[in-house]
N, C-alpha and C. Protein backbone atom coordinates (compact mmCIF):
# COMPACT_ATOMS: atom_id res chain seq x y z
N MET A 1 26.21 -51.75 -20.51
CA MET A 1 25.36 -52.00 -21.66
C MET A 1 24.56 -50.75 -21.99
N ASP A 2 24.70 -50.24 -23.18
CA ASP A 2 23.99 -49.05 -23.62
C ASP A 2 22.58 -49.44 -24.05
N LEU A 3 21.61 -48.72 -23.55
CA LEU A 3 20.22 -49.04 -23.88
C LEU A 3 19.77 -48.45 -25.21
N THR A 4 20.64 -47.72 -25.90
CA THR A 4 20.26 -47.05 -27.14
C THR A 4 19.67 -48.03 -28.15
N ALA A 5 20.34 -49.15 -28.38
CA ALA A 5 19.84 -50.13 -29.35
C ALA A 5 18.59 -50.83 -28.83
N GLU A 6 18.59 -51.15 -27.53
CA GLU A 6 17.48 -51.88 -26.94
C GLU A 6 16.22 -51.02 -26.84
N TYR A 7 16.41 -49.75 -26.47
CA TYR A 7 15.29 -48.83 -26.31
C TYR A 7 15.63 -47.52 -27.01
N PRO A 8 15.06 -47.27 -28.19
CA PRO A 8 15.28 -45.96 -28.81
C PRO A 8 14.82 -44.87 -27.85
N LEU A 9 15.37 -43.68 -27.99
CA LEU A 9 15.13 -42.60 -27.03
C LEU A 9 13.65 -42.36 -26.77
N ASN A 10 12.82 -42.37 -27.79
CA ASN A 10 11.40 -42.10 -27.56
C ASN A 10 10.72 -43.23 -26.78
N GLU A 11 11.25 -44.45 -26.86
CA GLU A 11 10.67 -45.57 -26.11
C GLU A 11 11.25 -45.66 -24.71
N LEU A 12 12.43 -45.11 -24.52
CA LEU A 12 13.11 -45.16 -23.23
C LEU A 12 12.42 -44.28 -22.21
N LEU A 13 11.74 -43.27 -22.69
CA LEU A 13 11.24 -42.23 -21.81
C LEU A 13 10.36 -42.76 -20.68
N ILE A 14 10.84 -42.52 -19.51
CA ILE A 14 10.05 -42.70 -18.30
C ILE A 14 10.27 -41.42 -17.51
N GLY A 15 9.47 -41.18 -16.57
CA GLY A 15 9.63 -39.95 -15.80
C GLY A 15 10.64 -40.10 -14.68
N GLY A 16 11.26 -38.99 -14.34
CA GLY A 16 12.18 -38.98 -13.21
C GLY A 16 11.49 -39.38 -11.92
N THR A 17 10.22 -39.02 -11.80
CA THR A 17 9.45 -39.39 -10.62
C THR A 17 9.36 -40.92 -10.51
N GLU A 18 9.25 -41.58 -11.65
CA GLU A 18 9.16 -43.05 -11.63
C GLU A 18 10.47 -43.67 -11.13
N ILE A 19 11.59 -43.12 -11.55
CA ILE A 19 12.88 -43.60 -11.03
C ILE A 19 12.92 -43.37 -9.52
N ASN A 20 12.53 -42.18 -9.11
CA ASN A 20 12.51 -41.84 -7.69
C ASN A 20 11.65 -42.83 -6.91
N TYR A 21 10.44 -43.08 -7.39
CA TYR A 21 9.52 -43.97 -6.68
C TYR A 21 10.03 -45.41 -6.64
N LEU A 22 10.74 -45.83 -7.67
CA LEU A 22 11.31 -47.18 -7.66
C LEU A 22 12.15 -47.39 -6.41
N PHE A 23 12.94 -46.38 -6.05
CA PHE A 23 13.84 -46.50 -4.90
C PHE A 23 13.16 -46.18 -3.58
N ILE A 24 11.99 -45.58 -3.63
CA ILE A 24 11.23 -45.34 -2.41
C ILE A 24 10.34 -46.55 -2.12
N CYS A 25 9.57 -46.95 -3.16
CA CYS A 25 8.64 -48.07 -2.98
C CYS A 25 8.09 -48.51 -4.34
N PRO A 26 8.40 -49.71 -4.77
CA PRO A 26 7.87 -50.19 -6.06
C PRO A 26 6.34 -50.21 -6.13
N THR A 27 5.68 -50.39 -5.00
CA THR A 27 4.22 -50.36 -4.99
C THR A 27 3.72 -48.97 -5.36
N LYS A 28 4.34 -47.96 -4.76
CA LYS A 28 4.01 -46.57 -5.08
C LYS A 28 4.25 -46.29 -6.56
N LEU A 29 5.37 -46.78 -7.08
CA LEU A 29 5.68 -46.63 -8.50
C LEU A 29 4.57 -47.24 -9.35
N TRP A 30 4.13 -48.43 -9.02
CA TRP A 30 3.10 -49.11 -9.81
C TRP A 30 1.81 -48.28 -9.82
N TYR A 31 1.36 -47.86 -8.64
CA TYR A 31 0.13 -47.05 -8.58
C TYR A 31 0.27 -45.78 -9.42
N PHE A 32 1.36 -45.06 -9.21
CA PHE A 32 1.60 -43.80 -9.92
C PHE A 32 1.62 -44.01 -11.43
N SER A 33 2.33 -45.05 -11.88
CA SER A 33 2.46 -45.29 -13.32
C SER A 33 1.17 -45.80 -13.96
N HIS A 34 0.23 -46.20 -13.13
CA HIS A 34 -1.07 -46.64 -13.64
C HIS A 34 -2.15 -45.57 -13.43
N GLY A 35 -1.71 -44.33 -13.25
CA GLY A 35 -2.64 -43.21 -13.18
C GLY A 35 -3.31 -43.01 -11.85
N ILE A 36 -2.87 -43.71 -10.83
CA ILE A 36 -3.44 -43.54 -9.49
C ILE A 36 -2.53 -42.57 -8.75
N THR A 37 -2.92 -41.30 -8.74
CA THR A 37 -2.08 -40.28 -8.12
C THR A 37 -2.76 -39.73 -6.88
N MET A 38 -2.03 -39.75 -5.81
CA MET A 38 -2.56 -39.33 -4.52
C MET A 38 -1.85 -38.08 -3.99
N GLU A 39 -0.80 -37.65 -4.69
CA GLU A 39 0.06 -36.58 -4.19
C GLU A 39 -0.66 -35.26 -3.98
N GLN A 40 -1.67 -34.97 -4.80
CA GLN A 40 -2.34 -33.67 -4.73
C GLN A 40 -2.99 -33.42 -3.37
N GLU A 41 -3.21 -34.47 -2.59
CA GLU A 41 -3.87 -34.32 -1.29
C GLU A 41 -2.92 -34.55 -0.12
N ASN A 42 -1.61 -34.63 -0.38
CA ASN A 42 -0.66 -34.97 0.67
C ASN A 42 0.04 -33.73 1.20
N GLU A 43 0.01 -33.55 2.52
CA GLU A 43 0.60 -32.35 3.14
C GLU A 43 2.12 -32.29 2.96
N TRP A 44 2.80 -33.43 2.89
CA TRP A 44 4.26 -33.44 2.71
C TRP A 44 4.63 -33.00 1.30
N VAL A 45 3.82 -33.40 0.34
CA VAL A 45 4.04 -32.95 -1.04
C VAL A 45 3.79 -31.45 -1.13
N ASP A 46 2.74 -30.98 -0.47
CA ASP A 46 2.45 -29.54 -0.46
C ASP A 46 3.59 -28.74 0.16
N LEU A 47 4.16 -29.24 1.26
CA LEU A 47 5.28 -28.56 1.91
C LEU A 47 6.48 -28.51 0.97
N GLY A 48 6.75 -29.59 0.27
CA GLY A 48 7.85 -29.62 -0.69
C GLY A 48 7.66 -28.61 -1.80
N ARG A 49 6.45 -28.52 -2.32
CA ARG A 49 6.14 -27.54 -3.37
C ARG A 49 6.33 -26.12 -2.85
N PHE A 50 5.86 -25.88 -1.63
CA PHE A 50 5.99 -24.55 -1.04
C PHE A 50 7.46 -24.15 -0.91
N LEU A 51 8.28 -25.05 -0.39
CA LEU A 51 9.71 -24.76 -0.26
C LEU A 51 10.35 -24.50 -1.63
N HIS A 52 9.98 -25.30 -2.58
CA HIS A 52 10.51 -25.16 -3.93
C HIS A 52 10.16 -23.79 -4.50
N GLU A 53 8.92 -23.40 -4.36
CA GLU A 53 8.47 -22.11 -4.91
C GLU A 53 9.09 -20.92 -4.19
N ARG A 54 9.14 -20.97 -2.89
CA ARG A 54 9.61 -19.82 -2.11
C ARG A 54 11.13 -19.68 -2.12
N ARG A 55 11.82 -20.76 -1.91
CA ARG A 55 13.28 -20.71 -1.78
C ARG A 55 13.96 -20.39 -3.11
N TYR A 56 13.37 -20.83 -4.21
CA TYR A 56 14.00 -20.66 -5.52
C TYR A 56 13.07 -19.84 -6.43
N ALA A 57 12.50 -18.78 -5.85
CA ALA A 57 11.51 -17.96 -6.55
C ALA A 57 12.07 -17.33 -7.83
N SER A 58 13.36 -17.02 -7.87
CA SER A 58 13.93 -16.34 -9.03
C SER A 58 14.30 -17.31 -10.17
N GLU A 59 14.24 -18.60 -9.92
CA GLU A 59 14.62 -19.59 -10.93
C GLU A 59 13.43 -19.90 -11.85
N GLU A 60 13.72 -20.20 -13.10
CA GLU A 60 12.69 -20.67 -14.01
C GLU A 60 12.41 -22.12 -13.63
N LYS A 61 11.20 -22.39 -13.20
CA LYS A 61 10.87 -23.70 -12.65
C LYS A 61 10.17 -24.61 -13.65
N GLU A 62 10.21 -25.92 -13.33
CA GLU A 62 9.54 -26.93 -14.13
C GLU A 62 9.96 -26.82 -15.60
N VAL A 63 11.27 -26.90 -15.81
CA VAL A 63 11.84 -26.79 -17.15
C VAL A 63 11.67 -28.11 -17.88
N GLN A 64 11.09 -28.04 -19.07
CA GLN A 64 10.87 -29.22 -19.89
C GLN A 64 12.01 -29.34 -20.89
N ILE A 65 12.73 -30.48 -20.86
CA ILE A 65 13.77 -30.76 -21.85
C ILE A 65 13.44 -32.13 -22.42
N GLY A 66 13.13 -32.16 -23.70
CA GLY A 66 12.69 -33.42 -24.29
C GLY A 66 11.43 -33.85 -23.56
N GLY A 67 11.44 -35.05 -23.04
CA GLY A 67 10.27 -35.56 -22.35
C GLY A 67 10.36 -35.53 -20.84
N ILE A 68 11.36 -34.84 -20.29
CA ILE A 68 11.50 -34.81 -18.84
C ILE A 68 11.25 -33.40 -18.32
N LYS A 69 10.79 -33.32 -17.08
CA LYS A 69 10.53 -32.05 -16.42
C LYS A 69 11.43 -31.94 -15.20
N ILE A 70 12.25 -30.90 -15.17
CA ILE A 70 13.26 -30.71 -14.13
C ILE A 70 12.84 -29.52 -13.27
N ASP A 71 13.12 -29.57 -11.97
CA ASP A 71 12.73 -28.46 -11.08
C ASP A 71 13.24 -27.14 -11.61
N PHE A 72 14.54 -27.02 -11.85
CA PHE A 72 15.09 -25.86 -12.55
C PHE A 72 16.48 -26.20 -13.05
N ILE A 73 16.96 -25.38 -14.02
CA ILE A 73 18.30 -25.59 -14.56
C ILE A 73 19.07 -24.28 -14.51
N ARG A 74 20.38 -24.42 -14.55
CA ARG A 74 21.28 -23.27 -14.74
C ARG A 74 22.18 -23.63 -15.90
N LYS A 75 22.36 -22.68 -16.80
CA LYS A 75 23.13 -22.94 -17.99
C LYS A 75 24.57 -22.45 -17.82
N GLY A 76 25.48 -23.17 -18.45
CA GLY A 76 26.90 -22.84 -18.48
C GLY A 76 27.56 -23.79 -19.45
N ASP A 77 28.85 -24.04 -19.29
CA ASP A 77 29.53 -25.03 -20.14
C ASP A 77 28.85 -26.38 -19.99
N THR A 78 28.42 -26.67 -18.79
CA THR A 78 27.67 -27.88 -18.49
C THR A 78 26.33 -27.45 -17.91
N ILE A 79 25.26 -28.03 -18.42
CA ILE A 79 23.93 -27.74 -17.86
C ILE A 79 23.88 -28.28 -16.44
N GLU A 80 23.36 -27.49 -15.52
CA GLU A 80 23.15 -27.94 -14.15
C GLU A 80 21.66 -28.21 -13.96
N VAL A 81 21.35 -29.45 -13.67
CA VAL A 81 20.00 -29.87 -13.36
C VAL A 81 19.84 -29.72 -11.85
N HIS A 82 18.82 -29.01 -11.42
CA HIS A 82 18.60 -28.79 -10.00
C HIS A 82 17.29 -29.42 -9.57
N GLU A 83 17.36 -30.22 -8.53
CA GLU A 83 16.19 -30.86 -7.95
C GLU A 83 16.09 -30.45 -6.49
N VAL A 84 14.91 -30.03 -6.09
CA VAL A 84 14.67 -29.58 -4.72
C VAL A 84 13.92 -30.68 -3.98
N LYS A 85 14.46 -31.07 -2.83
CA LYS A 85 13.87 -32.15 -2.04
C LYS A 85 13.66 -31.68 -0.61
N LEU A 86 12.66 -32.26 0.03
CA LEU A 86 12.28 -31.87 1.38
C LEU A 86 13.32 -32.27 2.42
N GLY A 87 13.80 -33.50 2.35
CA GLY A 87 14.78 -33.98 3.33
C GLY A 87 15.63 -35.07 2.70
N LYS A 88 16.60 -35.56 3.46
CA LYS A 88 17.56 -36.52 2.92
C LYS A 88 17.22 -37.97 3.24
N SER A 89 16.09 -38.22 3.85
CA SER A 89 15.79 -39.60 4.25
C SER A 89 15.67 -40.54 3.04
N MET A 90 15.40 -39.99 1.87
CA MET A 90 15.30 -40.80 0.66
C MET A 90 16.35 -40.36 -0.35
N GLU A 91 17.53 -40.07 0.16
CA GLU A 91 18.61 -39.52 -0.65
C GLU A 91 18.97 -40.41 -1.84
N ARG A 92 18.95 -41.71 -1.66
CA ARG A 92 19.28 -42.64 -2.76
C ARG A 92 18.28 -42.45 -3.90
N ALA A 93 17.01 -42.33 -3.59
CA ALA A 93 15.98 -42.10 -4.62
C ALA A 93 16.22 -40.77 -5.33
N HIS A 94 16.57 -39.75 -4.57
CA HIS A 94 16.83 -38.43 -5.15
C HIS A 94 18.03 -38.49 -6.09
N GLU A 95 19.09 -39.15 -5.63
CA GLU A 95 20.30 -39.27 -6.43
C GLU A 95 20.03 -40.03 -7.73
N MET A 96 19.27 -41.11 -7.66
CA MET A 96 18.97 -41.88 -8.86
C MET A 96 18.10 -41.09 -9.83
N GLN A 97 17.19 -40.29 -9.32
CA GLN A 97 16.38 -39.43 -10.18
C GLN A 97 17.29 -38.44 -10.91
N ALA A 98 18.21 -37.82 -10.18
CA ALA A 98 19.15 -36.88 -10.78
C ALA A 98 20.04 -37.57 -11.81
N LEU A 99 20.52 -38.76 -11.49
CA LEU A 99 21.34 -39.52 -12.44
C LEU A 99 20.55 -39.84 -13.71
N TYR A 100 19.29 -40.17 -13.56
CA TYR A 100 18.46 -40.44 -14.73
C TYR A 100 18.37 -39.21 -15.63
N TYR A 101 18.16 -38.04 -15.03
CA TYR A 101 18.09 -36.82 -15.82
C TYR A 101 19.40 -36.58 -16.58
N ILE A 102 20.53 -36.76 -15.90
CA ILE A 102 21.83 -36.57 -16.55
C ILE A 102 21.99 -37.58 -17.69
N TYR A 103 21.63 -38.83 -17.43
CA TYR A 103 21.72 -39.89 -18.42
C TYR A 103 20.87 -39.55 -19.64
N TYR A 104 19.64 -39.14 -19.39
CA TYR A 104 18.72 -38.78 -20.48
C TYR A 104 19.30 -37.64 -21.31
N LEU A 105 19.79 -36.60 -20.65
CA LEU A 105 20.36 -35.46 -21.35
C LEU A 105 21.59 -35.85 -22.14
N LYS A 106 22.41 -36.73 -21.59
CA LYS A 106 23.59 -37.22 -22.31
C LYS A 106 23.16 -37.90 -23.60
N ARG A 107 22.07 -38.67 -23.54
CA ARG A 107 21.56 -39.34 -24.74
C ARG A 107 21.07 -38.34 -25.77
N LEU A 108 20.70 -37.14 -25.34
CA LEU A 108 20.29 -36.07 -26.25
C LEU A 108 21.50 -35.25 -26.73
N GLY A 109 22.69 -35.61 -26.23
CA GLY A 109 23.90 -34.88 -26.62
C GLY A 109 24.19 -33.66 -25.75
N ILE A 110 23.57 -33.60 -24.58
CA ILE A 110 23.73 -32.46 -23.68
C ILE A 110 24.56 -32.88 -22.47
N LYS A 111 25.66 -32.18 -22.24
CA LYS A 111 26.51 -32.46 -21.08
C LYS A 111 25.87 -31.82 -19.85
N ALA A 112 25.70 -32.62 -18.81
CA ALA A 112 25.01 -32.11 -17.62
C ALA A 112 25.56 -32.72 -16.35
N LYS A 113 25.30 -32.04 -15.26
CA LYS A 113 25.51 -32.56 -13.91
C LYS A 113 24.28 -32.14 -13.12
N ALA A 114 24.15 -32.64 -11.92
CA ALA A 114 22.96 -32.32 -11.13
C ALA A 114 23.35 -31.80 -9.75
N VAL A 115 22.45 -31.02 -9.21
CA VAL A 115 22.60 -30.53 -7.84
C VAL A 115 21.28 -30.81 -7.12
N LEU A 116 21.38 -31.56 -6.03
CA LEU A 116 20.22 -31.80 -5.17
C LEU A 116 20.21 -30.72 -4.10
N HIS A 117 19.06 -30.12 -3.90
CA HIS A 117 18.91 -29.07 -2.89
C HIS A 117 18.02 -29.58 -1.76
N TYR A 118 18.50 -29.38 -0.55
CA TYR A 118 17.74 -29.71 0.65
C TYR A 118 17.58 -28.41 1.44
N PRO A 119 16.58 -27.57 1.07
CA PRO A 119 16.48 -26.24 1.66
C PRO A 119 16.24 -26.22 3.17
N LYS A 120 15.51 -27.19 3.68
CA LYS A 120 15.28 -27.23 5.14
C LYS A 120 16.58 -27.46 5.89
N LEU A 121 17.52 -28.17 5.27
CA LEU A 121 18.81 -28.47 5.88
C LEU A 121 19.89 -27.48 5.44
N ASN A 122 19.53 -26.62 4.49
CA ASN A 122 20.48 -25.67 3.90
C ASN A 122 21.70 -26.40 3.34
N GLU A 123 21.45 -27.51 2.64
CA GLU A 123 22.53 -28.33 2.07
C GLU A 123 22.27 -28.57 0.59
N THR A 124 23.35 -28.81 -0.13
CA THR A 124 23.26 -29.25 -1.51
C THR A 124 24.21 -30.43 -1.70
N LYS A 125 23.96 -31.19 -2.75
CA LYS A 125 24.82 -32.32 -3.10
C LYS A 125 24.94 -32.37 -4.61
N GLU A 126 26.17 -32.38 -5.11
CA GLU A 126 26.40 -32.48 -6.54
C GLU A 126 26.42 -33.95 -6.96
N VAL A 127 25.81 -34.23 -8.10
CA VAL A 127 25.72 -35.59 -8.63
C VAL A 127 26.22 -35.57 -10.07
N THR A 128 27.12 -36.50 -10.39
CA THR A 128 27.59 -36.66 -11.77
C THR A 128 27.40 -38.10 -12.20
N LEU A 129 27.30 -38.30 -13.49
CA LEU A 129 27.06 -39.62 -14.04
C LEU A 129 28.30 -40.51 -14.02
N ASP A 130 29.46 -39.93 -14.08
CA ASP A 130 30.75 -40.60 -14.12
C ASP A 130 30.73 -42.10 -13.85
N GLY A 131 30.61 -42.88 -14.93
CA GLY A 131 30.70 -44.33 -14.82
C GLY A 131 29.49 -45.02 -14.21
N ARG A 132 28.38 -44.33 -14.07
CA ARG A 132 27.21 -44.93 -13.42
C ARG A 132 26.08 -45.23 -14.39
N GLU A 133 26.39 -45.22 -15.68
CA GLU A 133 25.38 -45.46 -16.70
C GLU A 133 24.68 -46.81 -16.52
N GLU A 134 25.45 -47.84 -16.22
CA GLU A 134 24.88 -49.18 -16.04
C GLU A 134 23.87 -49.20 -14.89
N GLU A 135 24.18 -48.50 -13.83
CA GLU A 135 23.29 -48.41 -12.67
C GLU A 135 21.95 -47.76 -13.08
N VAL A 136 22.03 -46.71 -13.89
CA VAL A 136 20.82 -46.03 -14.35
C VAL A 136 20.05 -46.94 -15.29
N GLU A 137 20.75 -47.62 -16.18
CA GLU A 137 20.08 -48.51 -17.12
C GLU A 137 19.37 -49.66 -16.40
N GLU A 138 19.97 -50.17 -15.35
CA GLU A 138 19.32 -51.22 -14.56
C GLU A 138 18.05 -50.66 -13.90
N ALA A 139 18.11 -49.44 -13.39
CA ALA A 139 16.94 -48.82 -12.78
C ALA A 139 15.83 -48.63 -13.82
N ILE A 140 16.20 -48.22 -15.03
CA ILE A 140 15.21 -48.05 -16.10
C ILE A 140 14.52 -49.38 -16.40
N ARG A 141 15.30 -50.42 -16.51
CA ARG A 141 14.71 -51.74 -16.77
C ARG A 141 13.79 -52.17 -15.62
N GLU A 142 14.19 -51.88 -14.40
CA GLU A 142 13.36 -52.27 -13.25
C GLU A 142 12.06 -51.46 -13.21
N VAL A 143 12.12 -50.18 -13.53
CA VAL A 143 10.90 -49.37 -13.61
C VAL A 143 9.96 -49.97 -14.65
N GLN A 144 10.50 -50.30 -15.81
CA GLN A 144 9.67 -50.89 -16.86
C GLN A 144 9.08 -52.22 -16.42
N ARG A 145 9.84 -53.02 -15.70
CA ARG A 145 9.34 -54.31 -15.20
C ARG A 145 8.18 -54.09 -14.23
N VAL A 146 8.37 -53.19 -13.26
CA VAL A 146 7.32 -52.93 -12.26
C VAL A 146 6.07 -52.39 -12.94
N LYS A 147 6.24 -51.47 -13.87
CA LYS A 147 5.10 -50.89 -14.58
C LYS A 147 4.32 -51.94 -15.36
N SER A 148 5.00 -52.98 -15.83
CA SER A 148 4.34 -53.99 -16.65
C SER A 148 3.61 -55.06 -15.83
N LEU A 149 3.77 -55.04 -14.52
CA LEU A 149 3.10 -56.04 -13.68
C LEU A 149 1.59 -55.88 -13.77
N PRO A 150 0.83 -56.98 -13.72
CA PRO A 150 -0.63 -56.88 -13.82
C PRO A 150 -1.29 -56.30 -12.56
N ALA A 151 -0.57 -56.32 -11.43
CA ALA A 151 -1.08 -55.79 -10.17
C ALA A 151 0.10 -55.19 -9.41
N PRO A 152 -0.18 -54.32 -8.44
CA PRO A 152 0.94 -53.71 -7.71
C PRO A 152 1.73 -54.75 -6.92
N PRO A 153 3.04 -54.55 -6.82
CA PRO A 153 3.83 -55.45 -5.98
C PRO A 153 3.37 -55.34 -4.53
N GLU A 154 3.57 -56.38 -3.78
CA GLU A 154 3.20 -56.39 -2.36
C GLU A 154 3.98 -55.30 -1.64
N PRO A 155 3.30 -54.41 -0.91
CA PRO A 155 4.02 -53.36 -0.19
C PRO A 155 4.83 -53.93 0.97
N VAL A 156 5.91 -53.22 1.27
CA VAL A 156 6.76 -53.58 2.40
C VAL A 156 6.67 -52.42 3.39
N LYS A 157 6.14 -52.70 4.57
CA LYS A 157 5.91 -51.64 5.54
C LYS A 157 7.22 -51.13 6.11
N SER A 158 7.34 -49.80 6.15
CA SER A 158 8.51 -49.16 6.75
C SER A 158 8.06 -47.84 7.38
N LYS A 159 8.98 -47.18 8.05
CA LYS A 159 8.61 -45.93 8.73
C LYS A 159 8.23 -44.83 7.75
N LYS A 160 8.70 -44.91 6.51
CA LYS A 160 8.35 -43.88 5.52
C LYS A 160 6.90 -44.00 5.06
N CYS A 161 6.27 -45.13 5.30
CA CYS A 161 4.89 -45.35 4.86
C CYS A 161 3.91 -44.34 5.46
N LYS A 162 4.11 -43.96 6.71
CA LYS A 162 3.15 -43.09 7.40
C LYS A 162 3.01 -41.72 6.73
N LYS A 163 4.05 -41.25 6.05
CA LYS A 163 4.00 -39.95 5.39
C LYS A 163 3.67 -40.07 3.90
N CYS A 164 3.47 -41.28 3.44
CA CYS A 164 3.26 -41.54 2.01
C CYS A 164 1.83 -41.20 1.60
N ALA A 165 1.70 -40.57 0.45
CA ALA A 165 0.38 -40.24 -0.09
C ALA A 165 -0.45 -41.49 -0.40
N TYR A 166 0.22 -42.63 -0.59
CA TYR A 166 -0.45 -43.86 -0.95
C TYR A 166 -0.70 -44.78 0.25
N TYR A 167 -0.49 -44.29 1.45
CA TYR A 167 -0.60 -45.08 2.66
C TYR A 167 -1.93 -45.85 2.73
N GLU A 168 -3.02 -45.19 2.47
CA GLU A 168 -4.34 -45.82 2.60
C GLU A 168 -4.56 -46.94 1.59
N LEU A 169 -3.94 -46.85 0.43
CA LEU A 169 -4.08 -47.92 -0.56
C LEU A 169 -3.38 -49.20 -0.10
N CYS A 170 -2.31 -49.03 0.66
CA CYS A 170 -1.53 -50.19 1.08
C CYS A 170 -1.92 -50.74 2.45
N TRP A 171 -2.28 -49.86 3.37
CA TRP A 171 -2.36 -50.30 4.76
C TRP A 171 -3.68 -50.07 5.45
N VAL A 172 -4.69 -49.54 4.79
CA VAL A 172 -5.98 -49.32 5.47
C VAL A 172 -7.02 -50.28 4.92
């Protein structure tokens, strides 16, 4: 199902971070989407930023295309969207964020693929949209549903919680 008719492009816009957070923790997504941002004080976020800046110093960073902000891009016959991540423990969230960017760009008429970078592991992973539009559209609808809730969803405790910037909001 194409969301074009249901959500015109300007209404569809959500951030890639929101897609990412949906797959990490819907509670985190709700807080973030309601302007409660804790990342600026989190050491893991700082480490990720440091790796991003140092490892890819020659790349033009934080590229804005339409309403999305991408870590960096490389141009060619197909635009390469590059996202830098600290580790692979949340690989599904990273992949869905990359798929969202490709989906969004496709809606703008731009052919793209994505590359996830894991500099600490010295690994990359290529991501293409190939037949996964419905999966992205379902994620978009779920992000919109979570954002529209009157209160944050009940958190589900997991091992990733201890490193989360929002830990104190959920568990203290």
